[in-house]
Protein backbone atom coordinates (compact mmCIF):
# COMPACT_ATOMS: atom_id res chain seq x y z
CA MET A 1 -23.53 -5.21 11.63
CA SER A 2 -22.90 -9.02 11.65
CA GLY A 3 -19.76 -9.71 9.79
CA LEU A 4 -17.81 -6.41 10.24
CA THR A 5 -15.31 -7.10 12.97
CA HIS A 6 -14.25 -3.44 14.04
CA PHE A 7 -18.06 -3.01 15.11
CA ASP A 8 -19.78 -4.61 18.26
CA GLY A 9 -23.14 -5.67 19.26
CA LYS A 10 -24.60 -2.43 19.98
CA GLY A 11 -22.42 -0.85 16.38
CA ASP A 12 -19.94 0.82 17.86
CA ALA A 13 -16.31 0.57 16.90
CA HIS A 14 -13.57 -1.01 18.73
CA MET A 15 -10.32 -2.35 17.54
CA VAL A 16 -10.70 -6.52 17.34
CA ASP A 17 -9.60 -8.38 20.00
CA VAL A 18 -6.29 -10.35 18.71
CA SER A 19 -5.38 -11.83 21.46
CA ASP A 20 -6.40 -15.14 21.25
CA LYS A 21 -4.80 -15.69 17.85
CA PRO A 22 -2.13 -17.90 17.15
CA VAL A 23 0.99 -16.47 16.02
CA THR A 24 1.85 -16.97 11.88
CA ASP A 25 3.88 -15.55 9.47
CA ARG A 26 1.29 -13.01 7.18
CA VAL A 27 1.86 -11.88 4.02
CA ALA A 28 -0.27 -9.12 1.98
CA ALA A 29 0.69 -7.59 -0.97
CA ALA A 30 -1.37 -4.57 -2.49
CA ALA A 31 -0.95 -2.99 -6.18
CA CYS A 32 -2.25 0.56 -7.58
CA HIS A 33 -1.00 2.75 -10.65
CA ILE A 34 -0.59 6.27 -11.62
CA LYS A 35 -1.25 6.81 -14.85
CA MET A 36 0.26 10.46 -16.41
CA ALA A 37 0.34 12.36 -19.31
CA PRO A 38 3.12 11.11 -21.86
CA GLU A 39 5.34 14.33 -21.31
CA THR A 40 5.20 13.64 -17.51
CA PHE A 41 6.36 10.08 -18.36
CA ASP A 42 8.61 10.94 -20.53
CA ILE A 43 10.11 13.87 -17.70
CA ILE A 44 10.02 10.67 -14.49
CA SER A 45 11.88 7.92 -16.95
CA GLU A 46 13.90 10.25 -18.26
CA GLY A 47 14.93 11.27 -14.79
CA ARG A 48 14.48 14.83 -15.39
CA ALA A 49 12.44 15.91 -12.56
CA LYS A 50 13.21 18.65 -10.69
CA LYS A 51 12.41 17.15 -7.54
CA GLY A 52 15.06 14.00 -7.71
CA ASP A 53 14.41 11.09 -8.44
CA VAL A 54 10.94 9.62 -8.19
CA LEU A 55 10.88 6.59 -8.25
CA SER A 56 13.23 6.14 -5.51
CA VAL A 57 11.92 8.51 -3.50
CA ALA A 58 7.94 7.20 -3.76
CA ARG A 59 9.72 3.18 -2.85
CA LEU A 60 11.29 4.79 0.17
CA ALA A 61 8.10 7.05 0.93
CA GLY A 62 5.58 3.74 0.37
CA ILE A 63 7.81 1.69 2.97
CA MET A 64 7.53 4.17 5.69
CA GLY A 65 4.10 4.33 5.27
CA ALA A 66 3.69 0.85 5.67
CA LYS A 67 5.27 1.40 9.06
CA ARG A 68 3.04 4.02 10.31
CA THR A 69 0.30 2.54 9.02
CA ALA A 70 -1.81 2.09 12.58
CA ASP A 71 -0.81 5.97 12.88
CA LEU A 72 -2.92 6.88 9.79
CA ILE A 73 -6.15 4.42 10.39
CA PRO A 74 -8.08 4.14 13.48
CA LEU A 75 -8.48 0.33 14.21
CA CYS A 76 -5.61 -1.24 12.65
CA HIS A 77 -2.94 -2.64 15.05
CA PRO A 78 0.64 -1.55 15.24
CA LEU A 79 2.51 -5.04 13.83
CA PRO A 80 6.34 -5.90 14.26
CA ILE A 81 6.40 -5.25 10.55
CA ALA A 82 9.38 -7.45 9.34
CA LYS A 83 9.82 -6.40 5.94
CA VAL A 84 8.07 -4.12 3.19
CA ALA A 85 9.31 -4.37 -0.35
CA VAL A 86 7.81 -1.14 -2.98
CA GLU A 87 8.23 -2.20 -6.75
CA LEU A 88 7.53 0.63 -8.71
CA THR A 89 7.56 -0.18 -12.97
CA LEU A 90 7.50 2.13 -15.28
CA ASP A 91 4.89 1.01 -17.80
CA PRO A 92 4.20 3.01 -21.20
CA ASP A 93 0.97 1.55 -21.95
CA LEU A 94 -0.59 3.43 -19.30
CA PRO A 95 1.66 5.44 -19.46
CA GLY A 96 2.28 5.95 -15.88
CA VAL A 97 3.93 3.54 -13.10
CA GLN A 98 2.58 0.30 -11.87
CA ILE A 99 3.26 -0.20 -8.23
CA ALA A 100 3.12 -3.14 -6.01
CA ALA A 101 3.56 -3.89 -2.01
CA THR A 102 4.65 -6.98 0.31
CA VAL A 103 4.98 -6.58 3.45
CA LYS A 104 5.62 -9.77 6.10
CA THR A 105 5.32 -9.65 10.11
CA THR A 106 4.60 -12.78 12.29
CA GLY A 107 1.85 -11.77 14.39
CA GLN A 108 -1.84 -12.55 15.73
CA THR A 109 -3.46 -10.26 12.87
CA GLY A 110 -2.55 -9.55 9.37
CA VAL A 111 -0.76 -7.17 7.10
CA GLU A 112 -3.05 -6.12 4.37
CA MET A 113 -4.20 -2.28 5.65
CA GLU A 114 0.15 -1.78 5.61
CA ALA A 115 0.71 -3.00 2.40
CA LEU A 116 -2.19 -0.67 1.12
CA THR A 117 -0.93 1.65 2.76
CA ALA A 118 3.00 1.49 1.05
CA ALA A 119 1.22 1.26 -2.57
CA SER A 120 -1.19 3.94 -1.97
CA ILE A 121 1.75 6.30 -0.27
CA ALA A 122 4.03 5.23 -2.92
CA ALA A 123 1.18 6.61 -5.64
CA LEU A 124 0.82 9.78 -3.60
CA THR A 125 4.34 10.65 -3.82
CA VAL A 126 4.45 10.03 -6.82
CA TYR A 127 2.18 12.88 -7.55
CA ASP A 128 3.19 15.27 -5.51
CA MET A 129 6.76 14.85 -7.10
CA ALA A 130 5.52 15.39 -10.39
CA LYS A 131 2.52 17.41 -10.26
CA ALA A 132 4.45 20.48 -10.94
CA VAL A 133 4.11 19.20 -14.37
CA ASP A 134 0.60 16.64 -14.74
CA ARG A 135 -2.06 18.06 -12.17
CA ALA A 136 -4.31 15.80 -13.97
CA MET A 137 -2.35 12.40 -13.14
CA GLU A 138 -4.74 9.61 -11.77
CA ILE A 139 -4.05 6.97 -9.10
CA GLY A 140 -6.22 4.15 -9.28
CA GLY A 141 -6.68 0.49 -9.20
CA LEU A 142 -5.79 -0.11 -5.36
CA ARG A 143 -6.36 -3.53 -4.52
CA VAL A 144 -5.20 -6.37 -2.32
CA ILE A 145 -3.63 -9.11 -4.99
CA LEU A 146 -2.45 -11.33 -1.62
CA LYS A 147 -2.59 -12.48 1.72
CA GLU A 148 -1.19 -15.74 3.01
CA GLY A 149 -1.51 -16.90 7.32
CA GLY A 150 -3.88 -16.37 9.98
CA LYS A 151 -7.27 -18.41 10.33
CA SER A 152 -8.33 -17.63 6.58
CA GLY A 153 -5.40 -18.57 5.22
CA ARG A 154 -4.50 -17.79 1.17
CA TYR A 155 -6.41 -15.02 -0.86
CA SER A 156 -5.03 -14.57 -4.28
CA ALA A 157 -6.63 -11.73 -6.68
CA GLU A 158 -4.74 -13.41 -9.70
């Protein structure tokens, strides 16, 4: 299990000890998208969804998801999150919605999982709010696009 930090020498899963790590400013960003039928895109972009403002609700759900990451992912550390921003951009070329989430903290471990959770929960919320008219929507492309801070330094997918 060499190189996989969530396993001990015996191969058992464990929470990584971050107590010796310095407290640093950390940021992570993640992105994904949700593709849908053109008719569904029109309903969302025109504000005609029966459940309400799809993008506003999805943004709020993404923020809430980031704050609950340690409750969802078994070995994640609960972190004091300083900021969560979730951007949902209508993309007629998909057609669908591009989603980007950015999370900031000052701590001993990074917030990549919080950013990934925020983006995915936002996408799932779009699906939930529009599934009555389009069960074939497709969520994809979930990935970390930026990570800064900590021992491993900066990572950028772009």
